[in-house]
Amino acid sequence: VLGLELKDKLVARRELEAGRAVQEALMPERSPSVPGWDLWLFTRSANEVGGDLVDFIRIDEKRVGVVLGDVAGKGLRAALFSAKLQATLRAIASDFNLLTELGAKLNAIFHRDSIAGIFASLVYLEIQPNSGVLRMLNAGHMPPFRVRRTGVEIMEKGGAALGIMPGSAFSEQRIDVQGNDFLLIHSDGLTEAENERGEFFGEKRLADLLPQVVGLSSEQIGQRLVEKVDRFVGGAKVHDDLSIVIVRRA
């Protein structure tokens, strides 16, 4: 019996490792090239597979999409719904010029095809090459930070998370990003990273850090954030996926 149990565990582990390999294959390059912009995309699972989604979509010559999403829960179930959300967004993003309509369609599909208790928060940015204006859809995710030399601003809250209820309405935010300004979108694995004393990294520690990295490249900013979080966590067990998107005006 013990031998059979061990065999089952080894098979399950191999399947999770295969799932992780698929997730990594679906990840976009970490620093995709967009004229006039400097991007950095990062995600790291707490377990073999994760429920966070980070993606980059080339819609056409004039539009690209940048995504950070977080499916409720952990493990294989969250990873499967994250993959479905990614595939759906890649399939339909080019069909909508209005982000309000894109949000409504994503919500309808996710609500129709998910199971009870499953929902997803999402920030979707649409960027035009060599433009200082980006458009943002926030579906239930924590507001991004806009960081400028003059200070740090927390953006407005968005609409409901995807899949909670049918017929949810969504809004579109337009954001003007000047040279060296940047937007930080992150999962709760950043602010809720916990150290060995049970303390959270927290929004205040993050907000205090951000003015120190203005003027750095998006990759340098992202790496600095990850290093700070890892140093803060130390030897404590990691409980949540960590995802970061930096969108900087070059």
C-alpha atoms as a PDB file:
ATOM      1  CA  VAL A   1       0.000   0.000   0.000  1.00  0.00           C
ATOM      2  CA  LEU A   2       2.811   2.404   0.890  1.00  0.00           C
ATOM      3  CA  GLY A   3       4.482   1.597  -2.411  1.00  0.00           C
ATOM      4  CA  LEU A   4       1.313   2.380  -4.350  1.00  0.00           C
ATOM      5  CA  GLU A   5       0.839   5.643  -2.451  1.00  0.00           C
ATOM      6  CA  LEU A   6       4.415   6.644  -3.190  1.00  0.00           C
ATOM      7  CA  LYS A   7       3.922   5.813  -6.870  1.00  0.00           C
ATOM      8  CA  ASP A   8       0.751   7.939  -7.001  1.00  0.00           C
ATOM      9  CA  LYS A   9       2.569  10.857  -5.374  1.00  0.00           C
ATOM     10  CA  LEU A  10       5.440  10.599  -7.845  1.00  0.00           C
ATOM     11  CA  VAL A  11       3.018  10.512 -10.783  1.00  0.00           C
ATOM     12  CA  ALA A  12       1.139  13.541  -9.413  1.00  0.00           C
ATOM     13  CA  ARG A  13       4.405  15.409  -8.922  1.00  0.00           C
ATOM     14  CA  ARG A  14       5.516  14.673 -12.477  1.00  0.00           C
ATOM     15  CA  GLU A  15       2.176  15.934 -13.768  1.00  0.00           C
ATOM     16  CA  LEU A  16       2.543  19.157 -11.770  1.00  0.00           C
ATOM     17  CA  GLU A  17       6.067  19.595 -13.079  1.00  0.00           C
ATOM     18  CA  ALA A  18       4.725  19.124 -16.611  1.00  0.00           C
ATOM     19  CA  GLY A  19       2.048  21.732 -15.872  1.00  0.00           C
ATOM     20  CA  ARG A  20       4.715  24.138 -14.664  1.00  0.00           C
ATOM     21  CA  ALA A  21       6.669  23.618 -17.882  1.00  0.00           C
ATOM     22  CA  VAL A  22       3.547  24.467 -19.900  1.00  0.00           C
ATOM     23  CA  GLN A  23       2.971  27.637 -17.849  1.00  0.00           C
ATOM     24  CA  GLU A  24       6.570  28.717 -18.406  1.00  0.00           C
ATOM     25  CA  ALA A  25       6.220  28.068 -22.151  1.00  0.00           C
ATOM     26  CA  LEU A  26       3.156  30.337 -22.256  1.00  0.00           C
ATOM     27  CA  MET A  27       4.986  33.167 -20.523  1.00  0.00           C
ATOM     28  CA  PRO A  28       5.974  36.091 -22.765  1.00  0.00           C
ATOM     29  CA  GLU A  29       9.516  37.380 -22.911  1.00  0.00           C
ATOM     30  CA  ARG A  30      10.424  39.346 -19.824  1.00  0.00           C
ATOM     31  CA  SER A  31      11.246  42.605 -21.637  1.00  0.00           C
ATOM     32  CA  PRO A  32       9.125  42.814 -24.825  1.00  0.00           C
ATOM     33  CA  SER A  33      10.069  45.578 -27.246  1.00  0.00           C
ATOM     34  CA  VAL A  34       7.592  48.415 -27.844  1.00  0.00           C
ATOM     35  CA  PRO A  35       8.890  51.697 -29.365  1.00  0.00           C
ATOM     36  CA  GLY A  36       8.720  54.515 -26.816  1.00  0.00           C
ATOM     37  CA  TRP A  37       8.133  52.169 -23.888  1.00  0.00           C
ATOM     38  CA  ASP A  38      10.263  50.157 -21.483  1.00  0.00           C
ATOM     39  CA  LEU A  39       8.481  47.040 -20.154  1.00  0.00           C
ATOM     40  CA  TRP A  40       9.353  44.349 -17.627  1.00  0.00           C
ATOM     41  CA  LEU A  41       7.131  41.343 -16.892  1.00  0.00           C
ATOM     42  CA  PHE A  42       7.728  38.902 -14.049  1.00  0.00           C
ATOM     43  CA  THR A  43       5.857  36.075 -12.353  1.00  0.00           C
ATOM     44  CA  ARG A  44       6.989  33.408  -9.898  1.00  0.00           C
ATOM     45  CA  SER A  45       4.794  30.637  -8.503  1.00  0.00           C
ATOM     46  CA  ALA A  46       4.785  29.769  -4.819  1.00  0.00           C
ATOM     47  CA  ASN A  47       4.095  26.110  -5.711  1.00  0.00           C
ATOM     48  CA  GLU A  48       4.662  23.891  -8.731  1.00  0.00           C
ATOM     49  CA  VAL A  49       1.912  25.709 -10.645  1.00  0.00           C
ATOM     50  CA  GLY A  50       0.337  29.088  -9.973  1.00  0.00           C
ATOM     51  CA  GLY A  51      -2.827  31.070 -10.531  1.00  0.00           C
ATOM     52  CA  ASP A  52      -1.206  34.363 -11.528  1.00  0.00           C
ATOM     53  CA  LEU A  53      -1.256  35.462 -15.148  1.00  0.00           C
ATOM     54  CA  VAL A  54       1.254  37.792 -16.792  1.00  0.00           C
ATOM     55  CA  ASP A  55       1.040  38.229 -20.560  1.00  0.00           C
ATOM     56  CA  PHE A  56       1.928  40.439 -23.516  1.00  0.00           C
ATOM     57  CA  ILE A  57      -0.261  40.526 -26.630  1.00  0.00           C
ATOM     58  CA  ARG A  58       0.643  42.128 -29.960  1.00  0.00           C
ATOM     59  CA  ILE A  59      -2.833  43.062 -31.166  1.00  0.00           C
ATOM     60  CA  ASP A  60      -1.812  44.886 -34.335  1.00  0.00           C
ATOM     61  CA  GLU A  61       0.783  47.425 -35.501  1.00  0.00           C
ATOM     62  CA  LYS A  62      -0.815  50.189 -33.440  1.00  0.00           C
ATOM     63  CA  ARG A  63      -1.788  48.355 -30.253  1.00  0.00           C
ATOM     64  CA  VAL A  64      -0.240  45.997 -27.730  1.00  0.00           C
ATOM     65  CA  GLY A  65      -1.817  44.588 -24.598  1.00  0.00           C
ATOM     66  CA  VAL A  66      -0.150  43.981 -21.227  1.00  0.00           C
ATOM     67  CA  VAL A  67      -1.914  41.790 -18.674  1.00  0.00           C
ATOM     68  CA  LEU A  68      -1.612  40.928 -14.998  1.00  0.00           C
ATOM     69  CA  GLY A  69      -4.279  38.684 -13.509  1.00  0.00           C
ATOM     70  CA  ASP A  70      -4.798  36.662 -10.352  1.00  0.00           C
ATOM     71  CA  VAL A  71      -7.195  33.717 -10.135  1.00  0.00           C
ATOM     72  CA  ALA A  72      -8.603  33.069  -6.654  1.00  0.00           C
ATOM     73  CA  GLY A  73      -7.084  30.096  -4.882  1.00  0.00           C
ATOM     74  CA  LYS A  74      -3.896  28.155  -5.429  1.00  0.00           C
ATOM     75  CA  GLY A  75      -2.605  25.045  -7.087  1.00  0.00           C
ATOM     76  CA  LEU A  76      -3.804  23.151 -10.125  1.00  0.00           C
ATOM     77  CA  ARG A  77      -7.380  24.477 -10.151  1.00  0.00           C
ATOM     78  CA  ALA A  78      -6.230  28.109 -10.179  1.00  0.00           C
ATOM     79  CA  ALA A  79      -3.584  27.307 -12.802  1.00  0.00           C
ATOM     80  CA  LEU A  80      -6.161  25.756 -15.147  1.00  0.00           C
ATOM     81  CA  PHE A  81      -8.469  28.757 -14.931  1.00  0.00           C
ATOM     82  CA  SER A  82      -5.510  31.098 -15.371  1.00  0.00           C
ATOM     83  CA  ALA A  83      -4.614  29.288 -18.607  1.00  0.00           C
ATOM     84  CA  LYS A  84      -8.227  29.558 -19.777  1.00  0.00           C
ATOM     85  CA  LEU A  85      -8.297  33.285 -19.012  1.00  0.00           C
ATOM     86  CA  GLN A  86      -5.054  33.797 -20.927  1.00  0.00           C
ATOM     87  CA  ALA A  87      -6.340  31.882 -23.961  1.00  0.00           C
ATOM     88  CA  THR A  88      -9.642  33.762 -23.926  1.00  0.00           C
ATOM     89  CA  LEU A  89      -7.965  37.157 -23.717  1.00  0.00           C
ATOM     90  CA  ARG A  90      -5.539  36.347 -26.510  1.00  0.00           C
ATOM     91  CA  ALA A  91      -8.433  35.183 -28.683  1.00  0.00           C
ATOM     92  CA  ILE A  92     -10.755  38.165 -28.258  1.00  0.00           C
ATOM     93  CA  ALA A  93      -8.567  41.204 -27.431  1.00  0.00           C
ATOM     94  CA  SER A  94      -8.331  42.256 -31.067  1.00  0.00           C
ATOM     95  CA  ASP A  95     -12.142  42.227 -31.446  1.00  0.00           C
ATOM     96  CA  PHE A  96     -12.751  45.175 -29.118  1.00  0.00           C
ATOM     97  CA  ASN A  97     -11.743  48.818 -29.377  1.00  0.00           C
ATOM     98  CA  LEU A  98     -13.511  49.721 -26.129  1.00  0.00           C
ATOM     99  CA  LEU A  99     -12.031  48.210 -22.991  1.00  0.00           C
ATOM    100  CA  THR A 100     -15.437  48.450 -21.307  1.00  0.00           C
ATOM    101  CA  GLU A 101     -16.784  45.976 -23.858  1.00  0.00           C
ATOM    102  CA  LEU A 102     -13.724  43.746 -23.550  1.00  0.00           C
ATOM    103  CA  GLY A 103     -14.218  43.582 -19.777  1.00  0.00           C
ATOM    104  CA  ALA A 104     -17.895  42.725 -20.152  1.00  0.00           C
ATOM    105  CA  LYS A 105     -17.131  39.914 -22.605  1.00  0.00           C
ATOM    106  CA  LEU A 106     -14.356  38.462 -20.438  1.00  0.00           C
ATOM    107  CA  ASN A 107     -16.661  38.536 -17.427  1.00  0.00           C
ATOM    108  CA  ALA A 108     -19.486  36.811 -19.313  1.00  0.00           C
ATOM    109  CA  ILE A 109     -17.181  34.020 -20.513  1.00  0.00           C
ATOM    110  CA  PHE A 110     -15.453  33.526 -17.165  1.00  0.00           C
ATOM    111  CA  HIS A 111     -18.756  33.492 -15.279  1.00  0.00           C
ATOM    112  CA  ARG A 112     -20.266  31.016 -17.747  1.00  0.00           C
ATOM    113  CA  ASP A 113     -17.349  28.588 -17.704  1.00  0.00           C
ATOM    114  CA  SER A 114     -16.040  28.749 -14.128  1.00  0.00           C
ATOM    115  CA  ILE A 115     -17.238  26.940 -11.021  1.00  0.00           C
ATOM    116  CA  ALA A 116     -18.600  28.274  -7.730  1.00  0.00           C
ATOM    117  CA  GLY A 117     -16.079  30.267  -5.738  1.00  0.00           C
ATOM    118  CA  ILE A 118     -13.728  30.868  -8.664  1.00  0.00           C
ATOM    119  CA  PHE A 119     -13.119  34.430  -9.821  1.00  0.00           C
ATOM    120  CA  ALA A 120     -10.210  36.406 -11.212  1.00  0.00           C
ATOM    121  CA  SER A 121      -8.925  39.925 -10.798  1.00  0.00           C
ATOM    122  CA  LEU A 122      -7.297  41.503 -13.826  1.00  0.00           C
ATOM    123  CA  VAL A 123      -5.494  44.628 -14.998  1.00  0.00           C
ATOM    124  CA  TYR A 124      -5.318  44.999 -18.771  1.00  0.00           C
ATOM    125  CA  LEU A 125      -3.299  47.825 -20.304  1.00  0.00           C
ATOM    126  CA  GLU A 126      -3.453  48.800 -23.945  1.00  0.00           C
ATOM    127  CA  ILE A 127      -0.422  50.689 -25.222  1.00  0.00           C
ATOM    128  CA  GLN A 128       0.305  52.433 -28.500  1.00  0.00           C
ATOM    129  CA  PRO A 129       3.935  52.578 -29.673  1.00  0.00           C
ATOM    130  CA  ASN A 130       5.536  56.031 -29.290  1.00  0.00           C
ATOM    131  CA  SER A 131       2.534  57.371 -27.390  1.00  0.00           C
ATOM    132  CA  GLY A 132       2.510  58.696 -23.840  1.00  0.00           C
ATOM    133  CA  VAL A 133      -1.079  57.672 -23.203  1.00  0.00           C
ATOM    134  CA  LEU A 134      -2.223  54.216 -22.202  1.00  0.00           C
ATOM    135  CA  ARG A 135      -5.676  52.809 -21.535  1.00  0.00           C
ATOM    136  CA  MET A 136      -6.422  50.593 -18.559  1.00  0.00           C
ATOM    137  CA  LEU A 137      -9.147  48.157 -17.579  1.00  0.00           C
ATOM    138  CA  ASN A 138      -9.144  47.131 -13.909  1.00  0.00           C
ATOM    139  CA  ALA A 139     -11.444  44.237 -13.021  1.00  0.00           C
ATOM    140  CA  GLY A 140     -11.314  43.802  -9.266  1.00  0.00           C
ATOM    141  CA  HIS A 141      -7.535  44.062  -8.926  1.00  0.00           C
ATOM    142  CA  MET A 142      -5.645  46.220  -6.460  1.00  0.00           C
ATOM    143  CA  PRO A 143      -5.021  49.659  -7.992  1.00  0.00           C
ATOM    144  CA  PRO A 144      -1.655  50.123  -9.719  1.00  0.00           C
ATOM    145  CA  PHE A 145       0.888  52.698  -8.558  1.00  0.00           C
ATOM    146  CA  ARG A 146       1.810  55.593 -10.851  1.00  0.00           C
ATOM    147  CA  VAL A 147       5.293  56.789  -9.947  1.00  0.00           C
ATOM    148  CA  ARG A 148       6.652  60.189 -10.971  1.00  0.00           C
ATOM    149  CA  ARG A 149       9.501  62.396  -9.822  1.00  0.00           C
ATOM    150  CA  THR A 150       6.892  64.477  -8.012  1.00  0.00           C
ATOM    151  CA  GLY A 151       5.572  61.552  -5.989  1.00  0.00           C
ATOM    152  CA  VAL A 152       3.674  58.264  -5.872  1.00  0.00           C
ATOM    153  CA  GLU A 153      -0.016  58.036  -6.726  1.00  0.00           C
ATOM    154  CA  ILE A 154      -2.362  55.083  -6.231  1.00  0.00           C
ATOM    155  CA  MET A 155      -4.716  54.822  -9.201  1.00  0.00           C
ATOM    156  CA  GLU A 156      -8.498  54.604  -8.964  1.00  0.00           C
ATOM    157  CA  LYS A 157     -10.173  51.335  -8.073  1.00  0.00           C
ATOM    158  CA  GLY A 158     -11.690  49.345 -10.905  1.00  0.00           C
ATOM    159  CA  GLY A 159     -14.868  47.332 -11.359  1.00  0.00           C
ATOM    160  CA  ALA A 160     -15.840  43.888 -10.085  1.00  0.00           C
ATOM    161  CA  ALA A 161     -13.603  40.857 -10.440  1.00  0.00           C
ATOM    162  CA  LEU A 162     -14.290  38.559 -13.382  1.00  0.00           C
ATOM    163  CA  GLY A 163     -16.775  35.759 -12.806  1.00  0.00           C
ATOM    164  CA  ILE A 164     -18.469  37.025  -9.654  1.00  0.00           C
ATOM    165  CA  MET A 165     -21.735  38.050 -11.270  1.00  0.00           C
ATOM    166  CA  PRO A 166     -23.129  38.300 -14.795  1.00  0.00           C
ATOM    167  CA  GLY A 167     -23.733  41.711 -16.294  1.00  0.00           C
ATOM    168  CA  SER A 168     -21.015  43.565 -14.350  1.00  0.00           C
ATOM    169  CA  ALA A 169     -20.109  46.966 -15.795  1.00  0.00           C
ATOM    170  CA  PHE A 170     -16.526  48.087 -16.305  1.00  0.00           C
ATOM    171  CA  SER A 171     -14.820  51.422 -16.869  1.00  0.00           C
ATOM    172  CA  GLU A 172     -11.787  52.488 -18.855  1.00  0.00           C
ATOM    173  CA  GLN A 173      -9.080  54.713 -17.395  1.00  0.00           C
ATOM    174  CA  ARG A 174      -6.781  56.810 -19.585  1.00  0.00           C
ATOM    175  CA  ILE A 175      -3.367  57.517 -18.094  1.00  0.00           C
ATOM    176  CA  ASP A 176      -0.814  60.057 -19.284  1.00  0.00           C
ATOM    177  CA  VAL A 177       2.729  58.772 -18.719  1.00  0.00           C
ATOM    178  CA  GLN A 178       5.592  61.247 -19.086  1.00  0.00           C
ATOM    179  CA  GLY A 179       9.266  60.470 -19.651  1.00  0.00           C
ATOM    180  CA  ASN A 180      10.750  58.238 -16.897  1.00  0.00           C
ATOM    181  CA  ASP A 181       7.346  57.924 -15.192  1.00  0.00           C
ATOM    182  CA  PHE A 182       6.221  54.348 -14.679  1.00  0.00           C
ATOM    183  CA  LEU A 183       3.258  52.256 -13.694  1.00  0.00           C
ATOM    184  CA  LEU A 184       3.616  49.354 -11.261  1.00  0.00           C
ATOM    185  CA  ILE A 185       1.013  46.576 -11.385  1.00  0.00           C
ATOM    186  CA  HIS A 186       1.509  43.720  -8.939  1.00  0.00           C
ATOM    187  CA  SER A 187      -0.207  40.734  -7.379  1.00  0.00           C
ATOM    188  CA  ASP A 188      -0.887  40.523  -3.648  1.00  0.00           C
ATOM    189  CA  GLY A 189       2.126  38.226  -3.414  1.00  0.00           C
ATOM    190  CA  LEU A 190       4.191  41.422  -3.221  1.00  0.00           C
ATOM    191  CA  THR A 191       2.452  43.419  -0.490  1.00  0.00           C
ATOM    192  CA  GLU A 192       1.347  40.294   1.410  1.00  0.00           C
ATOM    193  CA  ALA A 193       4.777  38.667   1.359  1.00  0.00           C
ATOM    194  CA  GLU A 194       5.347  37.546   4.953  1.00  0.00           C
ATOM    195  CA  ASN A 195       8.584  37.269   6.905  1.00  0.00           C
ATOM    196  CA  GLU A 196       9.518  34.894   9.727  1.00  0.00           C
ATOM    197  CA  ARG A 197       7.987  37.237  12.326  1.00  0.00           C
ATOM    198  CA  GLY A 198       4.609  37.149  10.573  1.00  0.00           C
ATOM    199  CA  GLU A 199       4.920  40.741   9.262  1.00  0.00           C
ATOM    200  CA  PHE A 200       3.693  41.713   5.794  1.00  0.00           C
ATOM    201  CA  PHE A 201       5.822  43.647   3.321  1.00  0.00           C
ATOM    202  CA  GLY A 202       2.850  46.012   3.023  1.00  0.00           C
ATOM    203  CA  GLU A 203       1.813  48.941   0.845  1.00  0.00           C
ATOM    204  CA  LYS A 204       3.633  51.524   2.965  1.00  0.00           C
ATOM    205  CA  ARG A 205       7.006  49.822   2.632  1.00  0.00           C
ATOM    206  CA  LEU A 206       6.391  49.530  -1.114  1.00  0.00           C
ATOM    207  CA  ALA A 207       5.317  53.180  -1.461  1.00  0.00           C
ATOM    208  CA  ASP A 208       8.427  54.308   0.457  1.00  0.00           C
ATOM    209  CA  LEU A 209      10.655  52.307  -1.869  1.00  0.00           C
ATOM    210  CA  LEU A 210       9.214  53.448  -5.209  1.00  0.00           C
ATOM    211  CA  PRO A 211      10.555  57.063  -5.241  1.00  0.00           C
ATOM    212  CA  GLN A 212      14.065  55.629  -4.855  1.00  0.00           C
ATOM    213  CA  VAL A 213      13.917  53.819  -8.197  1.00  0.00           C
ATOM    214  CA  VAL A 214      12.649  56.650 -10.431  1.00  0.00           C
ATOM    215  CA  GLY A 215      15.041  57.033 -13.352  1.00  0.00           C
ATOM    216  CA  LEU A 216      16.086  53.379 -13.435  1.00  0.00           C
ATOM    217  CA  SER A 217      15.125  51.077 -16.284  1.00  0.00           C
ATOM    218  CA  SER A 218      12.038  48.914 -15.872  1.00  0.00           C
ATOM    219  CA  GLU A 219      14.229  45.817 -15.477  1.00  0.00           C
ATOM    220  CA  GLN A 220      16.312  47.490 -12.770  1.00  0.00           C
ATOM    221  CA  ILE A 221      13.143  48.629 -10.982  1.00  0.00           C
ATOM    222  CA  GLY A 222      11.617  45.154 -11.121  1.00  0.00           C
ATOM    223  CA  GLN A 223      14.764  43.415  -9.971  1.00  0.00           C
ATOM    224  CA  ARG A 224      15.138  45.884  -7.095  1.00  0.00           C
ATOM    225  CA  LEU A 225      11.576  45.128  -5.960  1.00  0.00           C
ATOM    226  CA  VAL A 226      12.072  41.365  -6.135  1.00  0.00           C
ATOM    227  CA  GLU A 227      15.361  41.608  -4.238  1.00  0.00           C
ATOM    228  CA  LYS A 228      13.757  43.736  -1.502  1.00  0.00           C
ATOM    229  CA  VAL A 229      10.853  41.311  -1.107  1.00  0.00           C
ATOM    230  CA  ASP A 230      13.127  38.250  -1.051  1.00  0.00           C
ATOM    231  CA  ARG A 231      15.377  39.875   1.549  1.00  0.00           C
ATOM    232  CA  PHE A 232      12.323  40.781   3.641  1.00  0.00           C
ATOM    233  CA  VAL A 233      10.873  37.247   3.489  1.00  0.00           C
ATOM    234  CA  GLY A 234      14.190  35.613   4.311  1.00  0.00           C
ATOM    235  CA  GLY A 235      13.767  31.963   5.241  1.00  0.00           C
ATOM    236  CA  ALA A 236       9.988  32.114   5.734  1.00  0.00           C
ATOM    237  CA  LYS A 237       7.717  29.893   3.661  1.00  0.00           C
ATOM    238  CA  VAL A 238       6.302  31.618   0.589  1.00  0.00           C
ATOM    239  CA  HIS A 239       2.502  31.398   0.535  1.00  0.00           C
ATOM    240  CA  ASP A 240       1.506  33.247  -2.650  1.00  0.00           C
ATOM    241  CA  ASP A 241       2.590  33.762  -6.232  1.00  0.00           C
ATOM    242  CA  LEU A 242       4.541  36.944  -6.950  1.00  0.00           C
ATOM    243  CA  SER A 243       3.832  38.861 -10.161  1.00  0.00           C
ATOM    244  CA  ILE A 244       5.063  42.302 -11.233  1.00  0.00           C
ATOM    245  CA  VAL A 245       4.576  44.395 -14.357  1.00  0.00           C
ATOM    246  CA  ILE A 246       6.532  47.609 -14.867  1.00  0.00           C
ATOM    247  CA  VAL A 247       5.379  49.917 -17.688  1.00  0.00           C
ATOM    248  CA  ARG A 248       7.771  52.839 -18.074  1.00  0.00           C
ATOM    249  CA  ARG A 249       7.769  55.682 -20.574  1.00  0.00           C
ATOM    250  CA  ALA A 250      11.176  55.582 -22.246  1.00  0.00           C
END
